[in-house]
């Protein structure tokens, strides 16, 4: 349900990033971010909104490739169903990646990692 800090950076170096629909993913906690930006951890909600740490938001930014639906009430409410959904996603994605030639896979991975981030000159 949560990928954070250095671990989030590590799992982001991948060929296909999948998140559960109610999970969050960031390189710093909202409380940590709020403490740095506003010197006030109480601003965590504003920080979380600014950071865009939800699966839906990260997918809209192109950082997440696939969002898996969770059972009603969240993954913890239906662990067997969630495990099956996750297994199917892993097997399907591994099958697709395995079919790619190594040079294509490496080029795709490099393109994925070097395309992260946007800026405007102004």
Protein backbone atom coordinates (compact mmCIF):
# COMPACT_ATOMS: atom_id res chain seq x y z
CA UNK A 1 0.00 0.00 0.00
CA UNK A 2 2.89 2.42 0.42
CA UNK A 3 6.21 2.96 -1.31
CA UNK A 4 8.32 5.62 0.27
CA UNK A 5 11.78 7.09 0.64
CA UNK A 6 14.75 5.32 -0.95
CA UNK A 7 12.68 2.20 -1.45
CA UNK A 8 10.33 4.14 -3.70
CA UNK A 9 13.26 5.23 -5.81
CA UNK A 10 14.54 1.66 -6.04
CA UNK A 11 11.23 0.10 -7.15
CA UNK A 12 10.74 2.89 -9.68
CA UNK A 13 13.68 1.60 -11.72
CA UNK A 14 11.63 -0.95 -13.61
CA UNK A 15 10.13 -1.82 -16.95
CA UNK A 16 6.48 -1.60 -15.91
CA UNK A 17 5.32 0.08 -12.70
CA UNK A 18 2.10 -1.22 -11.19
CA UNK A 19 0.29 0.29 -8.21
CA UNK A 20 -2.75 -0.78 -6.26
CA UNK A 21 -5.57 1.71 -6.64
CA UNK A 22 -5.48 2.99 -3.04
CA UNK A 23 -1.72 2.88 -2.56
CA UNK A 24 0.65 5.81 -2.34
CA UNK A 25 4.15 6.28 -3.73
CA UNK A 26 6.61 9.06 -2.93
CA UNK A 27 10.24 9.70 -2.11
CA UNK A 28 9.35 11.48 1.14
CA UNK A 29 6.41 11.28 3.50
CA UNK A 30 3.87 14.10 3.36
CA UNK A 31 4.82 14.96 6.95
CA UNK A 32 8.50 15.13 6.03
CA UNK A 33 7.78 17.28 3.00
CA UNK A 34 5.56 19.63 5.04
CA UNK A 35 8.26 19.91 7.68
CA UNK A 36 10.79 20.95 5.05
CA UNK A 37 8.60 23.28 3.01
CA UNK A 38 6.45 24.88 5.71
CA UNK A 39 8.37 23.95 8.87
CA UNK A 40 5.09 22.39 10.00
CA UNK A 41 4.24 18.68 9.79
CA UNK A 42 0.59 19.65 10.33
CA UNK A 43 0.60 20.74 6.68
CA UNK A 44 0.91 17.08 5.59
CA UNK A 45 -2.41 17.07 3.75
CA UNK A 46 -1.40 20.09 1.64
CA UNK A 47 1.96 18.46 0.98
CA UNK A 48 0.35 15.18 -0.07
CA UNK A 49 -1.92 17.03 -2.49
CA UNK A 50 1.00 18.97 -3.96
CA UNK A 51 3.13 15.86 -4.24
CA UNK A 52 0.45 13.91 -6.12
CA UNK A 53 1.24 10.60 -4.41
CA UNK A 54 -1.89 8.64 -5.38
CA UNK A 55 -1.95 5.92 -8.01
CA UNK A 56 -4.42 7.82 -10.19
CA UNK A 57 -2.37 11.03 -10.13
CA UNK A 58 0.94 9.28 -10.78
CA UNK A 59 -0.59 7.39 -13.68
CA UNK A 60 -1.87 10.67 -15.16
CA UNK A 61 1.71 11.98 -14.96
CA UNK A 62 3.05 8.93 -16.79
CA UNK A 63 5.04 7.65 -13.81
CA UNK A 64 2.82 4.61 -13.23
CA UNK A 65 1.93 2.27 -16.07
CA UNK A 66 -0.95 0.36 -14.56
CA UNK A 67 -3.30 0.74 -11.61
CA UNK A 68 -4.86 -2.43 -10.23
CA UNK A 69 -8.41 -2.29 -8.88
CA UNK A 70 -8.70 -3.28 -5.25
CA UNK A 71 -11.57 -5.20 -3.66
CA UNK A 72 -14.35 -3.12 -2.10
CA UNK A 73 -12.90 -1.52 1.03
CA UNK A 74 -9.27 -1.99 -0.03
CA UNK A 75 -6.79 -4.82 -0.55
CA UNK A 76 -6.84 -5.81 3.13
CA UNK A 77 -10.60 -6.50 2.90
CA UNK A 78 -10.13 -9.13 0.20
CA UNK A 79 -6.60 -10.49 0.40
CA UNK A 80 -7.27 -13.59 -1.71
CA UNK A 81 -8.92 -11.60 -4.49
CA UNK A 82 -6.15 -9.01 -4.36
CA UNK A 83 -3.47 -11.70 -4.46
CA UNK A 84 -5.11 -13.19 -7.55
CA UNK A 85 -5.33 -9.80 -9.27
CA UNK A 86 -1.70 -9.09 -8.44
CA UNK A 87 -0.56 -12.53 -9.59
CA UNK A 88 -2.37 -12.10 -12.91
CA UNK A 89 -0.78 -8.69 -13.44
CA UNK A 90 2.70 -9.97 -12.66
CA UNK A 91 2.36 -13.03 -14.89
CA UNK A 92 0.88 -11.01 -17.79
CA UNK A 93 3.54 -8.32 -17.58
CA UNK A 94 6.41 -10.78 -17.28
CA UNK A 95 5.07 -12.65 -20.30
CA UNK A 96 5.01 -9.45 -22.35
CA UNK A 97 8.48 -8.36 -21.23
CA UNK A 98 9.92 -11.83 -21.87
CA UNK A 99 8.76 -11.63 -25.49
CA UNK A 100 10.86 -8.51 -26.11
CA UNK A 101 14.34 -8.67 -27.51
CA UNK A 102 17.00 -7.61 -25.00
CA UNK A 103 18.07 -4.54 -27.00
CA UNK A 104 14.43 -3.42 -27.30
CA UNK A 105 13.87 -3.97 -23.58
CA UNK A 106 16.97 -1.97 -22.63
CA UNK A 107 16.11 0.88 -25.02
CA UNK A 108 12.56 0.98 -23.67
CA UNK A 109 13.83 1.03 -20.09
CA UNK A 110 16.28 3.85 -20.85
CA UNK A 111 13.53 5.86 -22.55
CA UNK A 112 11.24 5.31 -19.57
CA UNK A 113 13.80 6.52 -17.04
CA UNK A 114 15.13 9.47 -19.03
CA UNK A 115 11.65 10.80 -19.82
CA UNK A 116 10.70 11.31 -16.16
CA UNK A 117 10.14 14.95 -15.28
CA UNK A 118 8.97 17.97 -17.17
CA UNK A 119 9.94 21.60 -17.11
CA UNK A 120 9.10 24.80 -18.88
CA UNK A 121 11.53 27.50 -19.78
CA UNK A 122 10.08 30.85 -19.13
